[in-house]
Amino acid sequence: MTRNIVRGLVLVVAVAFAGSAVSAAGMLQAGQVAPAFELPRAAGGGTLSLDSLKGKPVYLNFFASWCGPCNEEAPSIVSLYGKYHSKGLEIVGVDDAEGARKALGFASDHKFTFPIVLDRNGTVASEYGAIGLPVHAMIDKRGKVSTYRLGEMSPDEIEDAIKKIL
């Protein structure tokens, strides 16, 4: 829990100095190849890798159950998944440093129908520059980052970013 509090405080300080979206050394930039990963699924066993989604537009949403903005954004993300999944969009919820019980509780509370994976030690979150939550990474069909955002996004901002990768 201490790690999560520190990450949250770092985000607050970074946003205070940056104004809105944080851009700093080590964070992903548009046009970069998205870091590969393979993580255990929160439900059903097995793993999910970014490579298994190659050729599809992918929205990675890094979250945690304790994250207020993550809870606020969740209904919009569910709605947008329903709207754009038939057009090829894949959304993967990446639970940051929590166990399956908390991740699945969050997913159940918000009626997630897309896969949730567990980044138990935060390694993938670190590779994606997640110094706080939420983190949004939109990855195009070529596997390149189209939009990267550390911090909360409005439903319209999320939808605009999704449209860019479809």
Protein backbone atom coordinates (compact mmCIF):
# COMPACT_ATOMS: atom_id res chain seq x y z
CA MET A 1 0.00 0.00 0.00
CA THR A 2 2.86 2.41 0.75
CA ARG A 3 4.14 2.05 -2.81
CA ASN A 4 0.72 3.00 -4.16
CA ILE A 5 0.46 6.05 -1.91
CA VAL A 6 3.90 7.25 -3.00
CA ARG A 7 2.99 6.75 -6.67
CA GLY A 8 -0.22 8.72 -6.14
CA LEU A 9 1.66 11.57 -4.47
CA VAL A 10 4.21 11.66 -7.28
CA LEU A 11 1.35 11.98 -9.78
CA VAL A 12 -0.22 14.85 -7.83
CA VAL A 13 3.08 16.73 -7.73
CA ALA A 14 3.80 16.04 -11.42
CA VAL A 15 0.36 17.22 -12.49
CA ALA A 16 0.67 20.33 -10.32
CA PHE A 17 3.84 21.27 -12.18
CA ALA A 18 2.76 20.15 -15.64
CA GLY A 19 -0.81 21.37 -15.66
CA SER A 20 -2.47 18.41 -17.33
CA ALA A 21 -1.03 15.41 -19.12
CA VAL A 22 2.41 14.58 -17.82
CA SER A 23 5.24 14.20 -20.29
CA ALA A 24 8.67 13.39 -18.97
CA ALA A 25 11.73 11.37 -19.80
CA GLY A 26 11.00 7.66 -19.55
CA MET A 27 7.33 7.99 -20.45
CA LEU A 28 6.00 6.62 -23.69
CA GLN A 29 5.63 8.95 -26.62
CA ALA A 30 3.40 8.69 -29.66
CA GLY A 31 5.08 6.66 -32.38
CA GLN A 32 7.08 4.43 -30.02
CA VAL A 33 6.61 0.68 -30.16
CA ALA A 34 4.53 -0.40 -27.17
CA PRO A 35 6.52 -2.49 -24.69
CA ALA A 36 5.70 -6.19 -24.97
CA PHE A 37 4.31 -8.02 -21.96
CA GLU A 38 2.73 -11.27 -20.88
CA LEU A 39 0.71 -11.18 -17.68
CA PRO A 40 -1.56 -13.61 -15.83
CA ARG A 41 -5.29 -13.17 -16.37
CA ALA A 42 -7.23 -12.22 -13.24
CA ALA A 43 -9.89 -14.81 -14.09
CA GLY A 44 -9.94 -18.05 -16.02
CA GLY A 45 -6.26 -18.85 -15.75
CA GLY A 46 -3.61 -18.50 -18.38
CA THR A 47 -1.88 -15.38 -19.55
CA LEU A 48 -2.47 -12.59 -22.02
CA SER A 49 0.32 -11.07 -24.08
CA LEU A 50 0.38 -7.92 -26.12
CA ASP A 51 1.71 -10.03 -29.00
CA SER A 52 -1.55 -12.04 -28.98
CA LEU A 53 -3.36 -8.82 -29.94
CA LYS A 54 -1.04 -7.93 -32.81
CA GLY A 55 -2.86 -6.34 -35.73
CA LYS A 56 -5.67 -5.04 -33.52
CA PRO A 57 -6.18 -1.60 -31.98
CA VAL A 58 -5.55 -1.96 -28.24
CA TYR A 59 -6.41 0.28 -25.32
CA LEU A 60 -4.43 -0.54 -22.17
CA ASN A 61 -6.01 0.91 -19.05
CA PHE A 62 -3.79 0.68 -15.96
CA PHE A 63 -5.90 0.88 -12.80
CA ALA A 64 -6.17 -0.07 -9.15
CA SER A 65 -9.25 -0.48 -6.98
CA TRP A 66 -8.13 2.28 -4.58
CA CYS A 67 -7.69 4.85 -7.38
CA GLY A 68 -10.48 7.45 -7.35
CA PRO A 69 -10.06 8.59 -10.97
CA CYS A 70 -9.93 4.94 -12.09
CA ASN A 71 -13.32 4.39 -10.47
CA GLU A 72 -14.69 7.56 -12.07
CA GLU A 73 -13.51 6.58 -15.57
CA ALA A 74 -14.61 2.94 -15.44
CA PRO A 75 -18.25 3.40 -16.55
CA SER A 76 -17.13 5.38 -19.62
CA ILE A 77 -14.54 2.76 -20.53
CA VAL A 78 -17.17 0.01 -20.30
CA SER A 79 -19.54 2.04 -22.49
CA LEU A 80 -16.85 2.75 -25.08
CA TYR A 81 -15.85 -0.92 -25.19
CA GLY A 82 -19.46 -1.79 -25.96
CA LYS A 83 -19.52 0.83 -28.70
CA TYR A 84 -16.19 0.00 -30.39
CA HIS A 85 -15.43 -3.67 -29.71
CA SER A 86 -17.43 -4.71 -32.79
CA LYS A 87 -15.14 -2.42 -34.81
CA GLY A 88 -12.08 -4.33 -33.62
CA LEU A 89 -11.12 -2.48 -30.43
CA GLU A 90 -9.52 -4.56 -27.70
CA ILE A 91 -9.36 -3.18 -24.19
CA VAL A 92 -7.16 -4.75 -21.55
CA GLY A 93 -7.45 -3.68 -17.94
CA VAL A 94 -4.08 -3.89 -16.23
CA ASP A 95 -4.45 -4.06 -12.47
CA ASP A 96 -1.40 -2.47 -10.89
CA ALA A 97 0.12 -4.29 -7.91
CA GLU A 98 -3.05 -5.79 -6.47
CA GLY A 99 -4.19 -9.38 -6.29
CA ALA A 100 -6.87 -11.14 -8.32
CA ARG A 101 -9.50 -10.65 -5.61
CA LYS A 102 -9.28 -6.84 -5.66
CA ALA A 103 -8.94 -6.69 -9.45
CA LEU A 104 -11.95 -8.93 -10.00
CA GLY A 105 -13.96 -7.02 -7.39
CA PHE A 106 -13.25 -3.77 -9.23
CA ALA A 107 -14.10 -5.40 -12.58
CA SER A 108 -17.33 -6.81 -11.16
CA ASP A 109 -18.36 -3.52 -9.55
CA HIS A 110 -17.92 -1.75 -12.90
CA LYS A 111 -19.25 -4.60 -15.08
CA PHE A 112 -16.06 -5.02 -17.12
CA THR A 113 -16.48 -7.47 -19.99
CA PHE A 114 -12.94 -7.10 -21.32
CA PRO A 115 -9.93 -9.03 -19.99
CA ILE A 116 -8.16 -8.02 -16.80
CA VAL A 117 -4.53 -8.93 -16.23
CA LEU A 118 -2.44 -8.71 -13.07
CA ASP A 119 0.75 -6.68 -12.96
CA ARG A 120 1.48 -7.96 -9.46
CA ASN A 121 4.84 -6.27 -8.95
CA GLY A 122 4.29 -3.24 -11.19
CA THR A 123 6.95 -4.21 -13.73
CA VAL A 124 4.79 -3.58 -16.78
CA ALA A 125 3.42 -0.37 -15.27
CA SER A 126 7.01 0.81 -14.85
CA GLU A 127 7.81 -0.06 -18.47
CA TYR A 128 4.82 2.07 -19.46
CA GLY A 129 6.00 5.01 -17.33
CA ALA A 130 3.19 4.68 -14.81
CA ILE A 131 4.29 6.84 -11.89
CA GLY A 132 0.66 7.17 -10.88
CA LEU A 133 -2.77 5.99 -11.94
CA PRO A 134 -4.71 5.84 -14.12
CA VAL A 135 -2.62 5.37 -17.24
CA HIS A 136 -4.08 5.14 -20.74
CA ALA A 137 -2.08 3.69 -23.62
CA MET A 138 -3.71 3.51 -27.04
CA ILE A 139 -1.81 1.20 -29.36
CA ASP A 140 -2.48 1.12 -33.09
CA LYS A 141 -2.66 -1.97 -35.31
CA ARG A 142 1.10 -1.71 -36.00
CA GLY A 143 1.89 -1.96 -32.30
CA LYS A 144 2.84 1.69 -31.91
CA VAL A 145 1.63 4.03 -29.22
CA SER A 146 -0.86 6.51 -30.62
CA THR A 147 -1.91 8.19 -27.38
CA TYR A 148 -0.32 7.97 -23.95
CA ARG A 149 -1.81 9.70 -20.97
CA LEU A 150 -0.90 9.62 -17.32
CA GLY A 151 -3.88 10.76 -15.28
CA GLU A 152 -7.60 10.98 -15.73
CA MET A 153 -9.20 11.42 -19.14
CA SER A 154 -12.73 12.59 -19.87
CA PRO A 155 -15.03 10.24 -21.78
CA ASP A 156 -14.68 12.45 -24.88
CA GLU A 157 -10.88 12.38 -24.65
CA ILE A 158 -10.90 8.59 -24.35
CA GLU A 159 -13.27 8.25 -27.30
CA ASP A 160 -11.17 10.59 -29.47
CA ALA A 161 -8.06 8.55 -28.65
CA ILE A 162 -9.89 5.29 -29.48
CA LYS A 163 -11.02 6.69 -32.84
CA LYS A 164 -7.39 7.42 -33.75
CA ILE A 165 -6.43 3.74 -33.47
CA LEU A 166 -9.46 2.20 -35.20
